[in-house]
Amino acid sequence: MQKKTNEVAVLKKFFVYKDYRGKEVGIGTGLYETLLVFAKKQGFTKVILDTPSKATRSHGFYKKVGFKEIVKEDLPIKYDYPDRDSLIFKLDLSKKKY
């Protein structure tokens, strides 16, 4: 997680080893909840991320945990992401309870 402003963080490189993915194991969700508790304690109110458009499994995960897909024009900060066919997601932490 990278701090961009006092309120906005960028999530980068969140991966779980293939054999440990899925709801039967729950590692990704557990790690993710811990990450979000940390982000909220740091005072962040928004988390943004980008992910390749072909990474559909990760899109489902991010949507499940509350991220909303946005267009580049709706980014809350100036954010340079890799030059690829990416989707951008934003999470509003002020609406999540921890």
PDB file of N, CA and C in Angstrom:
ATOM      1  N   MET A   1       0.852  -1.159   0.000  1.00  0.00           N
ATOM      2  CA  MET A   1       0.000   0.000   0.000  1.00  0.00           C
ATOM      3  C   MET A   1       0.903   1.229   0.000  1.00  0.00           C
ATOM      4  N   GLN A   2       0.606   2.149  -0.897  1.00  0.00           N
ATOM      5  CA  GLN A   2       1.380   3.379  -1.019  1.00  0.00           C
ATOM      6  C   GLN A   2       0.529   4.575  -0.617  1.00  0.00           C
ATOM      7  N   LYS A   3       1.072   5.404   0.257  1.00  0.00           N
ATOM      8  CA  LYS A   3       0.381   6.635   0.651  1.00  0.00           C
ATOM      9  C   LYS A   3       0.556   7.657  -0.456  1.00  0.00           C
ATOM     10  N   LYS A   4      -0.560   8.190  -0.942  1.00  0.00           N
ATOM     11  CA  LYS A   4      -0.515   9.244  -1.955  1.00  0.00           C
ATOM     12  C   LYS A   4      -0.854  10.596  -1.356  1.00  0.00           C
ATOM     13  N   THR A   5      -1.837  10.638  -0.462  1.00  0.00           N
ATOM     14  CA  THR A   5      -2.175  11.837   0.309  1.00  0.00           C
ATOM     15  C   THR A   5      -2.531  11.336   1.700  1.00  0.00           C
ATOM     16  N   ASN A   6      -2.895  12.237   2.593  1.00  0.00           N
ATOM     17  CA  ASN A   6      -3.314  11.807   3.931  1.00  0.00           C
ATOM     18  C   ASN A   6      -4.584  10.967   3.891  1.00  0.00           C
ATOM     19  N   GLU A   7      -5.358  11.113   2.826  1.00  0.00           N
ATOM     20  CA  GLU A   7      -6.632  10.396   2.727  1.00  0.00           C
ATOM     21  C   GLU A   7      -6.627   9.249   1.721  1.00  0.00           C
ATOM     22  N   VAL A   8      -5.698   9.252   0.754  1.00  0.00           N
ATOM     23  CA  VAL A   8      -5.748   8.290  -0.345  1.00  0.00           C
ATOM     24  C   VAL A   8      -4.507   7.402  -0.368  1.00  0.00           C
ATOM     25  N   ALA A   9      -4.759   6.099  -0.474  1.00  0.00           N
ATOM     26  CA  ALA A   9      -3.684   5.115  -0.626  1.00  0.00           C
ATOM     27  C   ALA A   9      -3.913   4.333  -1.913  1.00  0.00           C
ATOM     28  N   VAL A  10      -2.833   3.807  -2.460  1.00  0.00           N
ATOM     29  CA  VAL A  10      -2.896   2.970  -3.656  1.00  0.00           C
ATOM     30  C   VAL A  10      -2.465   1.560  -3.267  1.00  0.00           C
ATOM     31  N   LEU A  11      -3.279   0.602  -3.611  1.00  0.00           N
ATOM     32  CA  LEU A  11      -2.966  -0.799  -3.344  1.00  0.00           C
ATOM     33  C   LEU A  11      -2.219  -1.359  -4.536  1.00  0.00           C
ATOM     34  N   LYS A  12      -1.055  -1.936  -4.273  1.00  0.00           N
ATOM     35  CA  LYS A  12      -0.215  -2.510  -5.324  1.00  0.00           C
ATOM     36  C   LYS A  12       0.159  -3.936  -4.971  1.00  0.00           C
ATOM     37  N   LYS A  13       0.163  -4.787  -5.958  1.00  0.00           N
ATOM     38  CA  LYS A  13       0.705  -6.143  -5.849  1.00  0.00           C
ATOM     39  C   LYS A  13       0.099  -6.964  -4.716  1.00  0.00           C
ATOM     40  N   PHE A  14      -1.193  -7.123  -4.723  1.00  0.00           N
ATOM     41  CA  PHE A  14      -1.879  -7.957  -3.739  1.00  0.00           C
ATOM     42  C   PHE A  14      -2.159  -9.311  -4.384  1.00  0.00           C
ATOM     43  N   PHE A  15      -1.365 -10.313  -4.009  1.00  0.00           N
ATOM     44  CA  PHE A  15      -1.497 -11.640  -4.591  1.00  0.00           C
ATOM     45  C   PHE A  15      -1.531 -12.702  -3.501  1.00  0.00           C
ATOM     46  N   VAL A  16      -2.222 -13.779  -3.783  1.00  0.00           N
ATOM     47  CA  VAL A  16      -2.210 -14.964  -2.930  1.00  0.00           C
ATOM     48  C   VAL A  16      -1.810 -16.129  -3.829  1.00  0.00           C
ATOM     49  N   TYR A  17      -0.895 -16.954  -3.354  1.00  0.00           N
ATOM     50  CA  TYR A  17      -0.431 -18.120  -4.102  1.00  0.00           C
ATOM     51  C   TYR A  17      -1.634 -18.942  -4.566  1.00  0.00           C
ATOM     52  N   LYS A  18      -1.600 -19.387  -5.802  1.00  0.00           N
ATOM     53  CA  LYS A  18      -2.731 -20.047  -6.454  1.00  0.00           C
ATOM     54  C   LYS A  18      -3.365 -21.162  -5.610  1.00  0.00           C
ATOM     55  N   ASP A  19      -2.552 -21.986  -4.966  1.00  0.00           N
ATOM     56  CA  ASP A  19      -3.081 -23.109  -4.175  1.00  0.00           C
ATOM     57  C   ASP A  19      -3.845 -22.667  -2.937  1.00  0.00           C
ATOM     58  N   TYR A  20      -3.749 -21.389  -2.568  1.00  0.00           N
ATOM     59  CA  TYR A  20      -4.397 -20.885  -1.354  1.00  0.00           C
ATOM     60  C   TYR A  20      -5.543 -19.917  -1.650  1.00  0.00           C
ATOM     61  N   ARG A  21      -5.945 -19.835  -2.889  1.00  0.00           N
ATOM     62  CA  ARG A  21      -7.051 -18.963  -3.271  1.00  0.00           C
ATOM     63  C   ARG A  21      -8.388 -19.674  -3.083  1.00  0.00           C
ATOM     64  N   GLY A  22      -9.423 -18.885  -2.961  1.00  0.00           N
ATOM     65  CA  GLY A  22     -10.771 -19.443  -2.891  1.00  0.00           C
ATOM     66  C   GLY A  22     -11.367 -19.356  -1.504  1.00  0.00           C
ATOM     67  N   LYS A  23     -12.677 -19.362  -1.449  1.00  0.00           N
ATOM     68  CA  LYS A  23     -13.373 -19.177  -0.173  1.00  0.00           C
ATOM     69  C   LYS A  23     -13.193 -20.346   0.776  1.00  0.00           C
ATOM     70  N   GLU A  24     -12.857 -21.546   0.246  1.00  0.00           N
ATOM     71  CA  GLU A  24     -12.658 -22.656   1.168  1.00  0.00           C
ATOM     72  C   GLU A  24     -11.465 -22.424   2.086  1.00  0.00           C
ATOM     73  N   VAL A  25     -10.480 -21.689   1.608  1.00  0.00           N
ATOM     74  CA  VAL A  25      -9.286 -21.395   2.408  1.00  0.00           C
ATOM     75  C   VAL A  25      -9.430 -20.055   3.118  1.00  0.00           C
ATOM     76  N   GLY A  26      -9.854 -19.028   2.401  1.00  0.00           N
ATOM     77  CA  GLY A  26     -10.124 -17.721   2.993  1.00  0.00           C
ATOM     78  C   GLY A  26      -8.919 -16.867   3.309  1.00  0.00           C
ATOM     79  N   ILE A  27      -7.760 -17.251   2.841  1.00  0.00           N
ATOM     80  CA  ILE A  27      -6.553 -16.479   3.160  1.00  0.00           C
ATOM     81  C   ILE A  27      -6.608 -15.081   2.556  1.00  0.00           C
ATOM     82  N   GLY A  28      -6.995 -14.979   1.309  1.00  0.00           N
ATOM     83  CA  GLY A  28      -7.048 -13.670   0.652  1.00  0.00           C
ATOM     84  C   GLY A  28      -7.966 -12.706   1.374  1.00  0.00           C
ATOM     85  N   THR A  29      -9.145 -13.189   1.746  1.00  0.00           N
ATOM     86  CA  THR A  29     -10.102 -12.325   2.447  1.00  0.00           C
ATOM     87  C   THR A  29      -9.552 -11.912   3.809  1.00  0.00           C
ATOM     88  N   GLY A  30      -8.942 -12.841   4.530  1.00  0.00           N
ATOM     89  CA  GLY A  30      -8.372 -12.516   5.841  1.00  0.00           C
ATOM     90  C   GLY A  30      -7.252 -11.503   5.753  1.00  0.00           C
ATOM     91  N   LEU A  31      -6.354 -11.702   4.813  1.00  0.00           N
ATOM     92  CA  LEU A  31      -5.262 -10.741   4.618  1.00  0.00           C
ATOM     93  C   LEU A  31      -5.800  -9.381   4.210  1.00  0.00           C
ATOM     94  N   TYR A  32      -6.792  -9.404   3.350  1.00  0.00           N
ATOM     95  CA  TYR A  32      -7.379  -8.171   2.850  1.00  0.00           C
ATOM     96  C   TYR A  32      -8.063  -7.383   3.968  1.00  0.00           C
ATOM     97  N   GLU A  33      -8.800  -8.073   4.830  1.00  0.00           N
ATOM     98  CA  GLU A  33      -9.456  -7.391   5.951  1.00  0.00           C
ATOM     99  C   GLU A  33      -8.426  -6.769   6.883  1.00  0.00           C
ATOM    100  N   THR A  34      -7.326  -7.458   7.113  1.00  0.00           N
ATOM    101  CA  THR A  34      -6.249  -6.912   7.938  1.00  0.00           C
ATOM    102  C   THR A  34      -5.644  -5.667   7.289  1.00  0.00           C
ATOM    103  N   LEU A  35      -5.446  -5.730   5.990  1.00  0.00           N
ATOM    104  CA  LEU A  35      -4.914  -4.583   5.253  1.00  0.00           C
ATOM    105  C   LEU A  35      -5.837  -3.379   5.368  1.00  0.00           C
ATOM    106  N   LEU A  36      -7.142  -3.604   5.261  1.00  0.00           N
ATOM    107  CA  LEU A  36      -8.087  -2.494   5.334  1.00  0.00           C
ATOM    108  C   LEU A  36      -8.185  -1.904   6.740  1.00  0.00           C
ATOM    109  N   VAL A  37      -8.079  -2.732   7.755  1.00  0.00           N
ATOM    110  CA  VAL A  37      -8.051  -2.216   9.128  1.00  0.00           C
ATOM    111  C   VAL A  37      -6.831  -1.308   9.288  1.00  0.00           C
ATOM    112  N   PHE A  38      -5.675  -1.756   8.793  1.00  0.00           N
ATOM    113  CA  PHE A  38      -4.455  -0.954   8.840  1.00  0.00           C
ATOM    114  C   PHE A  38      -4.660   0.382   8.112  1.00  0.00           C
ATOM    115  N   ALA A  39      -5.238   0.313   6.905  1.00  0.00           N
ATOM    116  CA  ALA A  39      -5.449   1.532   6.115  1.00  0.00           C
ATOM    117  C   ALA A  39      -6.330   2.526   6.861  1.00  0.00           C
ATOM    118  N   LYS A  40      -7.373   2.028   7.470  1.00  0.00           N
ATOM    119  CA  LYS A  40      -8.280   2.914   8.195  1.00  0.00           C
ATOM    120  C   LYS A  40      -7.584   3.529   9.419  1.00  0.00           C
ATOM    121  N   LYS A  41      -6.768   2.736  10.116  1.00  0.00           N
ATOM    122  CA  LYS A  41      -6.017   3.264  11.270  1.00  0.00           C
ATOM    123  C   LYS A  41      -5.029   4.346  10.851  1.00  0.00           C
ATOM    124  N   GLN A  42      -4.552   4.267   9.610  1.00  0.00           N
ATOM    125  CA  GLN A  42      -3.637   5.289   9.089  1.00  0.00           C
ATOM    126  C   GLN A  42      -4.366   6.558   8.676  1.00  0.00           C
ATOM    127  N   GLY A  43      -5.687   6.525   8.682  1.00  0.00           N
ATOM    128  CA  GLY A  43      -6.472   7.704   8.331  1.00  0.00           C
ATOM    129  C   GLY A  43      -6.897   7.777   6.876  1.00  0.00           C
ATOM    130  N   PHE A  44      -6.619   6.735   6.113  1.00  0.00           N
ATOM    131  CA  PHE A  44      -7.039   6.752   4.716  1.00  0.00           C
ATOM    132  C   PHE A  44      -8.558   6.626   4.623  1.00  0.00           C
ATOM    133  N   THR A  45      -9.140   7.373   3.702  1.00  0.00           N
ATOM    134  CA  THR A  45     -10.580   7.270   3.465  1.00  0.00           C
ATOM    135  C   THR A  45     -10.886   6.643   2.107  1.00  0.00           C
ATOM    136  N   LYS A  46      -9.851   6.552   1.258  1.00  0.00           N
ATOM    137  CA  LYS A  46     -10.026   5.945  -0.055  1.00  0.00           C
ATOM    138  C   LYS A  46      -8.801   5.101  -0.399  1.00  0.00           C
ATOM    139  N   VAL A  47      -9.073   3.981  -1.064  1.00  0.00           N
ATOM    140  CA  VAL A  47      -8.008   3.139  -1.600  1.00  0.00           C
ATOM    141  C   VAL A  47      -8.316   2.937  -3.076  1.00  0.00           C
ATOM    142  N   ILE A  48      -7.309   3.138  -3.915  1.00  0.00           N
ATOM    143  CA  ILE A  48      -7.492   2.898  -5.343  1.00  0.00           C
ATOM    144  C   ILE A  48      -6.497   1.839  -5.797  1.00  0.00           C
ATOM    145  N   LEU A  49      -6.829   1.196  -6.897  1.00  0.00           N
ATOM    146  CA  LEU A  49      -5.940   0.198  -7.488  1.00  0.00           C
ATOM    147  C   LEU A  49      -6.236   0.067  -8.964  1.00  0.00           C
ATOM    148  N   ASP A  50      -5.273  -0.462  -9.689  1.00  0.00           N
ATOM    149  CA  ASP A  50      -5.513  -0.813 -11.079  1.00  0.00           C
ATOM    150  C   ASP A  50      -5.132  -2.272 -11.257  1.00  0.00           C
ATOM    151  N   THR A  51      -5.793  -2.905 -12.198  1.00  0.00           N
ATOM    152  CA  THR A  51      -5.544  -4.318 -12.451  1.00  0.00           C
ATOM    153  C   THR A  51      -5.792  -4.589 -13.937  1.00  0.00           C
ATOM    154  N   PRO A  52      -5.043  -5.510 -14.523  1.00  0.00           N
ATOM    155  CA  PRO A  52      -5.242  -5.797 -15.949  1.00  0.00           C
ATOM    156  C   PRO A  52      -6.693  -6.187 -16.241  1.00  0.00           C
ATOM    157  N   SER A  53      -7.208  -5.730 -17.360  1.00  0.00           N
ATOM    158  CA  SER A  53      -8.607  -6.020 -17.696  1.00  0.00           C
ATOM    159  C   SER A  53      -8.860  -7.520 -17.843  1.00  0.00           C
ATOM    160  N   LYS A  54      -7.840  -8.289 -18.175  1.00  0.00           N
ATOM    161  CA  LYS A  54      -8.031  -9.734 -18.347  1.00  0.00           C
ATOM    162  C   LYS A  54      -7.994 -10.504 -17.025  1.00  0.00           C
ATOM    163  N   ALA A  55      -7.693  -9.845 -15.917  1.00  0.00           N
ATOM    164  CA  ALA A  55      -7.609 -10.514 -14.608  1.00  0.00           C
ATOM    165  C   ALA A  55      -8.987 -10.583 -13.959  1.00  0.00           C
ATOM    166  N   THR A  56      -9.896 -11.271 -14.588  1.00  0.00           N
ATOM    167  CA  THR A  56     -11.299 -11.259 -14.159  1.00  0.00           C
ATOM    168  C   THR A  56     -11.513 -11.847 -12.766  1.00  0.00           C
ATOM    169  N   ARG A  57     -10.701 -12.807 -12.365  1.00  0.00           N
ATOM    170  CA  ARG A  57     -10.859 -13.373 -11.016  1.00  0.00           C
ATOM    171  C   ARG A  57     -10.597 -12.300  -9.957  1.00  0.00           C
ATOM    172  N   SER A  58      -9.579 -11.492 -10.162  1.00  0.00           N
ATOM    173  CA  SER A  58      -9.296 -10.430  -9.187  1.00  0.00           C
ATOM    174  C   SER A  58     -10.400  -9.374  -9.198  1.00  0.00           C
ATOM    175  N   HIS A  59     -10.986  -9.098 -10.353  1.00  0.00           N
ATOM    176  CA  HIS A  59     -12.089  -8.125 -10.414  1.00  0.00           C
ATOM    177  C   HIS A  59     -13.231  -8.577  -9.512  1.00  0.00           C
ATOM    178  N   GLY A  60     -13.557  -9.849  -9.593  1.00  0.00           N
ATOM    179  CA  GLY A  60     -14.624 -10.391  -8.747  1.00  0.00           C
ATOM    180  C   GLY A  60     -14.306 -10.252  -7.278  1.00  0.00           C
ATOM    181  N   PHE A  61     -13.060 -10.514  -6.909  1.00  0.00           N
ATOM    182  CA  PHE A  61     -12.650 -10.380  -5.509  1.00  0.00           C
ATOM    183  C   PHE A  61     -12.790  -8.941  -5.047  1.00  0.00           C
ATOM    184  N   TYR A  62     -12.259  -8.005  -5.830  1.00  0.00           N
ATOM    185  CA  TYR A  62     -12.320  -6.598  -5.424  1.00  0.00           C
ATOM    186  C   TYR A  62     -13.758  -6.112  -5.293  1.00  0.00           C
ATOM    187  N   LYS A  63     -14.606  -6.502  -6.210  1.00  0.00           N
ATOM    188  CA  LYS A  63     -16.017  -6.113  -6.117  1.00  0.00           C
ATOM    189  C   LYS A  63     -16.668  -6.729  -4.884  1.00  0.00           C
ATOM    190  N   LYS A  64     -16.328  -7.967  -4.578  1.00  0.00           N
ATOM    191  CA  LYS A  64     -16.896  -8.656  -3.418  1.00  0.00           C
ATOM    192  C   LYS A  64     -16.556  -7.933  -2.109  1.00  0.00           C
ATOM    193  N   VAL A  65     -15.360  -7.354  -2.037  1.00  0.00           N
ATOM    194  CA  VAL A  65     -14.952  -6.682  -0.803  1.00  0.00           C
ATOM    195  C   VAL A  65     -15.277  -5.186  -0.804  1.00  0.00           C
ATOM    196  N   GLY A  66     -16.024  -4.722  -1.815  1.00  0.00           N
ATOM    197  CA  GLY A  66     -16.539  -3.358  -1.761  1.00  0.00           C
ATOM    198  C   GLY A  66     -15.979  -2.347  -2.731  1.00  0.00           C
ATOM    199  N   PHE A  67     -14.986  -2.724  -3.527  1.00  0.00           N
ATOM    200  CA  PHE A  67     -14.459  -1.793  -4.518  1.00  0.00           C
ATOM    201  C   PHE A  67     -15.475  -1.564  -5.619  1.00  0.00           C
ATOM    202  N   LYS A  68     -15.456  -0.362  -6.187  1.00  0.00           N
ATOM    203  CA  LYS A  68     -16.292   0.001  -7.324  1.00  0.00           C
ATOM    204  C   LYS A  68     -15.378   0.354  -8.490  1.00  0.00           C
ATOM    205  N   GLU A  69     -15.713  -0.139  -9.665  1.00  0.00           N
ATOM    206  CA  GLU A  69     -14.934   0.213 -10.848  1.00  0.00           C
ATOM    207  C   GLU A  69     -15.218   1.667 -11.214  1.00  0.00           C
ATOM    208  N   ILE A  70     -14.159   2.408 -11.532  1.00  0.00           N
ATOM    209  CA  ILE A  70     -14.299   3.808 -11.919  1.00  0.00           C
ATOM    210  C   ILE A  70     -13.530   4.053 -13.215  1.00  0.00           C
ATOM    211  N   VAL A  71     -13.779   5.198 -13.828  1.00  0.00           N
ATOM    212  CA  VAL A  71     -13.012   5.617 -15.000  1.00  0.00           C
ATOM    213  C   VAL A  71     -11.893   6.545 -14.534  1.00  0.00           C
ATOM    214  N   LYS A  72     -10.877   6.663 -15.353  1.00  0.00           N
ATOM    215  CA  LYS A  72      -9.702   7.463 -14.998  1.00  0.00           C
ATOM    216  C   LYS A  72     -10.078   8.877 -14.569  1.00  0.00           C
ATOM    217  N   GLU A  73     -11.072   9.447 -15.214  1.00  0.00           N
ATOM    218  CA  GLU A  73     -11.482  10.821 -14.900  1.00  0.00           C
ATOM    219  C   GLU A  73     -12.050  10.954 -13.486  1.00  0.00           C
ATOM    220  N   ASP A  74     -12.459   9.858 -12.876  1.00  0.00           N
ATOM    221  CA  ASP A  74     -13.011   9.893 -11.517  1.00  0.00           C
ATOM    222  C   ASP A  74     -11.991   9.575 -10.434  1.00  0.00           C
ATOM    223  N   LEU A  75     -10.724   9.454 -10.810  1.00  0.00           N
ATOM    224  CA  LEU A  75      -9.685   9.214  -9.805  1.00  0.00           C
ATOM    225  C   LEU A  75      -9.608  10.400  -8.840  1.00  0.00           C
ATOM    226  N   PRO A  76      -9.471  10.143  -7.539  1.00  0.00           N
ATOM    227  CA  PRO A  76      -9.408  11.234  -6.569  1.00  0.00           C
ATOM    228  C   PRO A  76      -8.048  11.940  -6.522  1.00  0.00           C
ATOM    229  N   ILE A  77      -7.055  11.369  -7.202  1.00  0.00           N
ATOM    230  CA  ILE A  77      -5.700  11.929  -7.242  1.00  0.00           C
ATOM    231  C   ILE A  77      -5.134  11.727  -8.638  1.00  0.00           C
ATOM    232  N   LYS A  78      -4.031  12.416  -8.921  1.00  0.00           N
ATOM    233  CA  LYS A  78      -3.292  12.121 -10.148  1.00  0.00           C
ATOM    234  C   LYS A  78      -2.583  10.799  -9.899  1.00  0.00           C
ATOM    235  N   TYR A  79      -2.817   9.852 -10.776  1.00  0.00           N
ATOM    236  CA  TYR A  79      -2.297   8.503 -10.561  1.00  0.00           C
ATOM    237  C   TYR A  79      -1.846   7.928 -11.890  1.00  0.00           C
ATOM    238  N   ASP A  80      -0.569   7.617 -11.979  1.00  0.00           N
ATOM    239  CA  ASP A  80      -0.017   6.997 -13.175  1.00  0.00           C
ATOM    240  C   ASP A  80       0.031   5.496 -12.964  1.00  0.00           C
ATOM    241  N   TYR A  81      -0.628   4.781 -13.828  1.00  0.00           N
ATOM    242  CA  TYR A  81      -0.607   3.327 -13.736  1.00  0.00           C
ATOM    243  C   TYR A  81       0.021   2.778 -15.004  1.00  0.00           C
ATOM    244  N   PRO A  82       0.413   1.510 -14.972  1.00  0.00           N
ATOM    245  CA  PRO A  82       1.116   0.942 -16.128  1.00  0.00           C
ATOM    246  C   PRO A  82       0.340   1.154 -17.432  1.00  0.00           C
ATOM    247  N   ASP A  83       1.074   1.320 -18.485  1.00  0.00           N
ATOM    248  CA  ASP A  83       0.471   1.533 -19.795  1.00  0.00           C
ATOM    249  C   ASP A  83      -0.031   0.189 -20.322  1.00  0.00           C
ATOM    250  N   ARG A  84      -1.198  -0.190 -19.890  1.00  0.00           N
ATOM    251  CA  ARG A  84      -1.812  -1.442 -20.322  1.00  0.00           C
ATOM    252  C   ARG A  84      -3.318  -1.278 -20.285  1.00  0.00           C
ATOM    253  N   ASP A  85      -3.994  -2.260 -20.736  1.00  0.00           N
ATOM    254  CA  ASP A  85      -5.449  -2.253 -20.719  1.00  0.00           C
ATOM    255  C   ASP A  85      -5.904  -2.577 -19.293  1.00  0.00           C
ATOM    256  N   SER A  86      -5.994  -1.566 -18.451  1.00  0.00           N
ATOM    257  CA  SER A  86      -6.290  -1.747 -17.038  1.00  0.00           C
ATOM    258  C   SER A  86      -7.687  -1.270 -16.668  1.00  0.00           C
ATOM    259  N   LEU A  87      -8.199  -1.842 -15.614  1.00  0.00           N
ATOM    260  CA  LEU A  87      -9.406  -1.343 -14.971  1.00  0.00           C
ATOM    261  C   LEU A  87      -8.976  -0.681 -13.683  1.00  0.00           C
ATOM    262  N   ILE A  88      -9.696   0.354 -13.285  1.00  0.00           N
ATOM    263  CA  ILE A  88      -9.379   1.092 -12.064  1.00  0.00           C
ATOM    264  C   ILE A  88     -10.533   0.888 -11.085  1.00  0.00           C
ATOM    265  N   PHE A  89     -10.182   0.634  -9.833  1.00  0.00           N
ATOM    266  CA  PHE A  89     -11.176   0.422  -8.784  1.00  0.00           C
ATOM    267  C   PHE A  89     -10.903   1.377  -7.626  1.00  0.00           C
ATOM    268  N   LYS A  90     -11.976   1.770  -6.938  1.00  0.00           N
ATOM    269  CA  LYS A  90     -11.857   2.652  -5.767  1.00  0.00           C
ATOM    270  C   LYS A  90     -12.719   2.095  -4.645  1.00  0.00           C
ATOM    271  N   LEU A  91     -12.178   2.166  -3.430  1.00  0.00           N
ATOM    272  CA  LEU A  91     -12.911   1.750  -2.234  1.00  0.00           C
ATOM    273  C   LEU A  91     -13.051   2.949  -1.312  1.00  0.00           C
ATOM    274  N   ASP A  92     -14.249   3.233  -0.868  1.00  0.00           N
ATOM    275  CA  ASP A  92     -14.510   4.310   0.076  1.00  0.00           C
ATOM    276  C   ASP A  92     -14.523   3.713   1.481  1.00  0.00           C
ATOM    277  N   LEU A  93     -13.439   3.922   2.219  1.00  0.00           N
ATOM    278  CA  LEU A  93     -13.317   3.348   3.565  1.00  0.00           C
ATOM    279  C   LEU A  93     -14.244   4.011   4.576  1.00  0.00           C
ATOM    280  N   SER A  94     -14.700   5.214   4.292  1.00  0.00           N
ATOM    281  CA  SER A  94     -15.566   5.895   5.248  1.00  0.00           C
ATOM    282  C   SER A  94     -16.919   5.184   5.358  1.00  0.00           C
ATOM    283  N   LYS A  95     -17.245   4.317   4.401  1.00  0.00           N
ATOM    284  CA  LYS A  95     -18.507   3.588   4.428  1.00  0.00           C
ATOM    285  C   LYS A  95     -18.366   2.172   4.960  1.00  0.00           C
ATOM    286  N   LYS A  96     -17.118   1.748   5.279  1.00  0.00           N
ATOM    287  CA  LYS A  96     -16.886   0.388   5.768  1.00  0.00           C
ATOM    288  C   LYS A  96     -16.743   0.411   7.278  1.00  0.00           C
ATOM    289  N   LYS A  97     -17.264  -0.592   7.912  1.00  0.00           N
ATOM    290  CA  LYS A  97     -17.187  -0.714   9.377  1.00  0.00           C
ATOM    291  C   LYS A  97     -16.127  -1.755   9.746  1.00  0.00           C
ATOM    292  N   TYR A  98     -15.209  -1.379  10.653  1.00  0.00           N
ATOM    293  CA  TYR A  98     -14.178  -2.286  11.150  1.00  0.00           C
ATOM    294  C   TYR A  98     -14.046  -2.144  12.639  1.00  0.00           C
TER     295      TYR A  98
END
